[in-house]
Amino acid sequence: MKKILALSAALIAGTSMMLAAAPAMARVDVDVNLGVPAPLYVAPQPVYVQPRPVYVAPRPVYAPEPVYYVRRPHHHHRWHDRDHDGVPDRFDHHPRNPYRD
């Protein structure tokens, strides 16, 4: 504000001195321009905010139980097992019934 007052006082003083010398000159043009500074915009500094951590419980995973295949050895006729109960027919009292020994 003080700069503007000092500038305008200097311009007025300069103008009055020129007007006093005007009768000696044939033609006098006086232009006075007061520039008002435009508002100064300063962009704010970017602010980084760390996001809050998100805790989520993992979803349960259901997997089928593993299936094991057991290869049976090749038996000859003397070890034949018709009902596949694990007892050879020659020792099995009921060779065609898998639920009986």
C-alpha atoms as a PDB file:
ATOM      1  CA  MET A   1       0.000   0.000   0.000  1.00  0.00           C
ATOM      2  CA  LYS A   2       2.884   2.368   0.774  1.00  0.00           C
ATOM      3  CA  LYS A   3       4.401   1.683  -2.652  1.00  0.00           C
ATOM      4  CA  ILE A   4       1.177   2.656  -4.402  1.00  0.00           C
ATOM      5  CA  LEU A   5       0.890   5.912  -2.423  1.00  0.00           C
ATOM      6  CA  ALA A   6       4.516   6.804  -3.132  1.00  0.00           C
ATOM      7  CA  LEU A   7       4.103   6.019  -6.835  1.00  0.00           C
ATOM      8  CA  SER A   8       0.929   8.063  -7.160  1.00  0.00           C
ATOM      9  CA  ALA A   9       2.538  11.010  -5.294  1.00  0.00           C
ATOM     10  CA  ALA A  10       5.507  10.888  -7.642  1.00  0.00           C
ATOM     11  CA  LEU A  11       3.244  10.819 -10.685  1.00  0.00           C
ATOM     12  CA  ILE A  12       1.205  13.746  -9.446  1.00  0.00           C
ATOM     13  CA  ALA A  13       4.380  15.742  -8.728  1.00  0.00           C
ATOM     14  CA  GLY A  14       5.759  14.943 -12.172  1.00  0.00           C
ATOM     15  CA  THR A  15       2.515  15.909 -13.844  1.00  0.00           C
ATOM     16  CA  SER A  16       2.295  19.213 -12.014  1.00  0.00           C
ATOM     17  CA  MET A  17       5.857  20.084 -13.058  1.00  0.00           C
ATOM     18  CA  MET A  18       5.061  19.323 -16.661  1.00  0.00           C
ATOM     19  CA  LEU A  19       1.908  21.419 -16.522  1.00  0.00           C
ATOM     20  CA  ALA A  20       3.925  24.334 -15.131  1.00  0.00           C
ATOM     21  CA  ALA A  21       6.234  24.152 -18.129  1.00  0.00           C
ATOM     22  CA  ALA A  22       3.331  23.730 -20.555  1.00  0.00           C
ATOM     23  CA  PRO A  23       3.070  27.391 -21.697  1.00  0.00           C
ATOM     24  CA  ALA A  24       6.632  27.194 -23.019  1.00  0.00           C
ATOM     25  CA  MET A  25       5.786  24.160 -25.147  1.00  0.00           C
ATOM     26  CA  ALA A  26       3.589  24.222 -28.166  1.00  0.00           C
ATOM     27  CA  ARG A  27       1.851  20.944 -27.407  1.00  0.00           C
ATOM     28  CA  VAL A  28       1.730  18.876 -24.231  1.00  0.00           C
ATOM     29  CA  ASP A  29       0.357  15.310 -23.943  1.00  0.00           C
ATOM     30  CA  VAL A  30       0.147  13.882 -20.454  1.00  0.00           C
ATOM     31  CA  ASP A  31      -0.795  10.243 -19.889  1.00  0.00           C
ATOM     32  CA  VAL A  32      -1.089   8.816 -16.395  1.00  0.00           C
ATOM     33  CA  ASN A  33      -1.501   5.069 -15.974  1.00  0.00           C
ATOM     34  CA  LEU A  34      -1.871   3.525 -12.570  1.00  0.00           C
ATOM     35  CA  GLY A  35      -1.473  -0.204 -12.776  1.00  0.00           C
ATOM     36  CA  VAL A  36      -3.258  -2.174 -10.139  1.00  0.00           C
ATOM     37  CA  PRO A  37      -1.494  -5.495  -9.650  1.00  0.00           C
ATOM     38  CA  ALA A  38      -3.595  -8.538 -10.375  1.00  0.00           C
ATOM     39  CA  PRO A  39      -4.227 -10.895  -7.504  1.00  0.00           C
ATOM     40  CA  LEU A  40      -1.388 -13.314  -7.228  1.00  0.00           C
ATOM     41  CA  TYR A  41      -2.429 -16.986  -7.189  1.00  0.00           C
ATOM     42  CA  VAL A  42      -0.072 -19.508  -5.699  1.00  0.00           C
ATOM     43  CA  ALA A  43      -0.964 -23.184  -6.030  1.00  0.00           C
ATOM     44  CA  PRO A  44      -0.887 -25.013  -2.713  1.00  0.00           C
ATOM     45  CA  GLN A  45       1.759 -27.647  -2.158  1.00  0.00           C
ATOM     46  CA  PRO A  46       0.522 -31.198  -2.767  1.00  0.00           C
ATOM     47  CA  VAL A  47      -0.165 -33.090   0.412  1.00  0.00           C
ATOM     48  CA  TYR A  48       0.421 -36.844   0.530  1.00  0.00           C
ATOM     49  CA  VAL A  49      -1.541 -38.758   3.098  1.00  0.00           C
ATOM     50  CA  GLN A  50      -0.718 -42.418   3.592  1.00  0.00           C
ATOM     51  CA  PRO A  51      -3.884 -44.508   3.261  1.00  0.00           C
ATOM     52  CA  ARG A  52      -4.979 -46.456   6.274  1.00  0.00           C
ATOM     53  CA  PRO A  53      -4.098 -50.152   6.117  1.00  0.00           C
ATOM     54  CA  VAL A  54      -6.974 -52.490   5.387  1.00  0.00           C
ATOM     55  CA  TYR A  55      -6.993 -55.780   7.218  1.00  0.00           C
ATOM     56  CA  VAL A  56      -9.132 -58.510   5.702  1.00  0.00           C
ATOM     57  CA  ALA A  57      -9.260 -62.058   6.993  1.00  0.00           C
ATOM     58  CA  PRO A  58      -8.364 -64.550   4.263  1.00  0.00           C
ATOM     59  CA  ARG A  59     -11.200 -66.604   2.873  1.00  0.00           C
ATOM     60  CA  PRO A  60     -11.182 -70.250   3.873  1.00  0.00           C
ATOM     61  CA  VAL A  61     -10.125 -72.600   1.145  1.00  0.00           C
ATOM     62  CA  TYR A  62     -11.858 -75.926   0.942  1.00  0.00           C
ATOM     63  CA  ALA A  63      -9.945 -78.544  -0.978  1.00  0.00           C
ATOM     64  CA  PRO A  64     -11.138 -82.079  -1.572  1.00  0.00           C
ATOM     65  CA  GLU A  65      -9.275 -84.766   0.260  1.00  0.00           C
ATOM     66  CA  PRO A  66      -6.621 -86.444  -1.841  1.00  0.00           C
ATOM     67  CA  VAL A  67      -7.538 -89.725  -3.450  1.00  0.00           C
ATOM     68  CA  TYR A  68      -4.902 -92.399  -3.364  1.00  0.00           C
ATOM     69  CA  TYR A  69      -4.941 -95.177  -5.888  1.00  0.00           C
ATOM     70  CA  VAL A  70      -3.294 -98.375  -4.803  1.00  0.00           C
ATOM     71  CA  ARG A  71      -2.244-100.669  -7.555  1.00  0.00           C
ATOM     72  CA  ARG A  72      -2.993-104.230  -6.713  1.00  0.00           C
ATOM     73  CA  PRO A  73      -0.399-106.775  -7.632  1.00  0.00           C
ATOM     74  CA  HIS A  74      -1.276-109.216 -10.356  1.00  0.00           C
ATOM     75  CA  HIS A  75      -2.241-112.510  -8.731  1.00  0.00           C
ATOM     76  CA  HIS A  76      -2.199-115.885 -10.322  1.00  0.00           C
ATOM     77  CA  HIS A  77      -5.215-118.158 -10.104  1.00  0.00           C
ATOM     78  CA  ARG A  78      -4.110-119.548  -6.812  1.00  0.00           C
ATOM     79  CA  TRP A  79      -4.315-116.010  -5.304  1.00  0.00           C
ATOM     80  CA  HIS A  80      -7.533-115.034  -7.080  1.00  0.00           C
ATOM     81  CA  ASP A  81      -9.958-112.871  -5.102  1.00  0.00           C
ATOM     82  CA  ARG A  82     -13.412-112.599  -6.729  1.00  0.00           C
ATOM     83  CA  ASP A  83     -15.037-110.350  -4.173  1.00  0.00           C
ATOM     84  CA  HIS A  84     -11.967-108.082  -3.767  1.00  0.00           C
ATOM     85  CA  ASP A  85     -12.062-108.180   0.001  1.00  0.00           C
ATOM     86  CA  GLY A  86      -8.336-108.847   0.285  1.00  0.00           C
ATOM     87  CA  VAL A  87      -8.727-112.535   1.222  1.00  0.00           C
ATOM     88  CA  PRO A  88      -7.685-115.039  -1.476  1.00  0.00           C
ATOM     89  CA  ASP A  89     -10.526-117.306  -2.618  1.00  0.00           C
ATOM     90  CA  ARG A  90      -8.833-120.437  -1.328  1.00  0.00           C
ATOM     91  CA  PHE A  91      -8.916-118.975   2.237  1.00  0.00           C
ATOM     92  CA  ASP A  92     -12.261-117.161   1.868  1.00  0.00           C
ATOM     93  CA  HIS A  93     -15.282-119.072   3.178  1.00  0.00           C
ATOM     94  CA  HIS A  94     -17.623-116.918   1.044  1.00  0.00           C
ATOM     95  CA  PRO A  95     -15.582-115.906  -2.066  1.00  0.00           C
ATOM     96  CA  ARG A  96     -18.478-114.148  -3.829  1.00  0.00           C
ATOM     97  CA  ASN A  97     -19.638-111.959  -0.905  1.00  0.00           C
ATOM     98  CA  PRO A  98     -17.358-108.978  -0.119  1.00  0.00           C
ATOM     99  CA  TYR A  99     -19.113-108.363   3.241  1.00  0.00           C
ATOM    100  CA  ARG A 100     -18.413-111.812   4.708  1.00  0.00           C
ATOM    101  CA  ASP A 101     -15.064-113.345   5.692  1.00  0.00           C
END
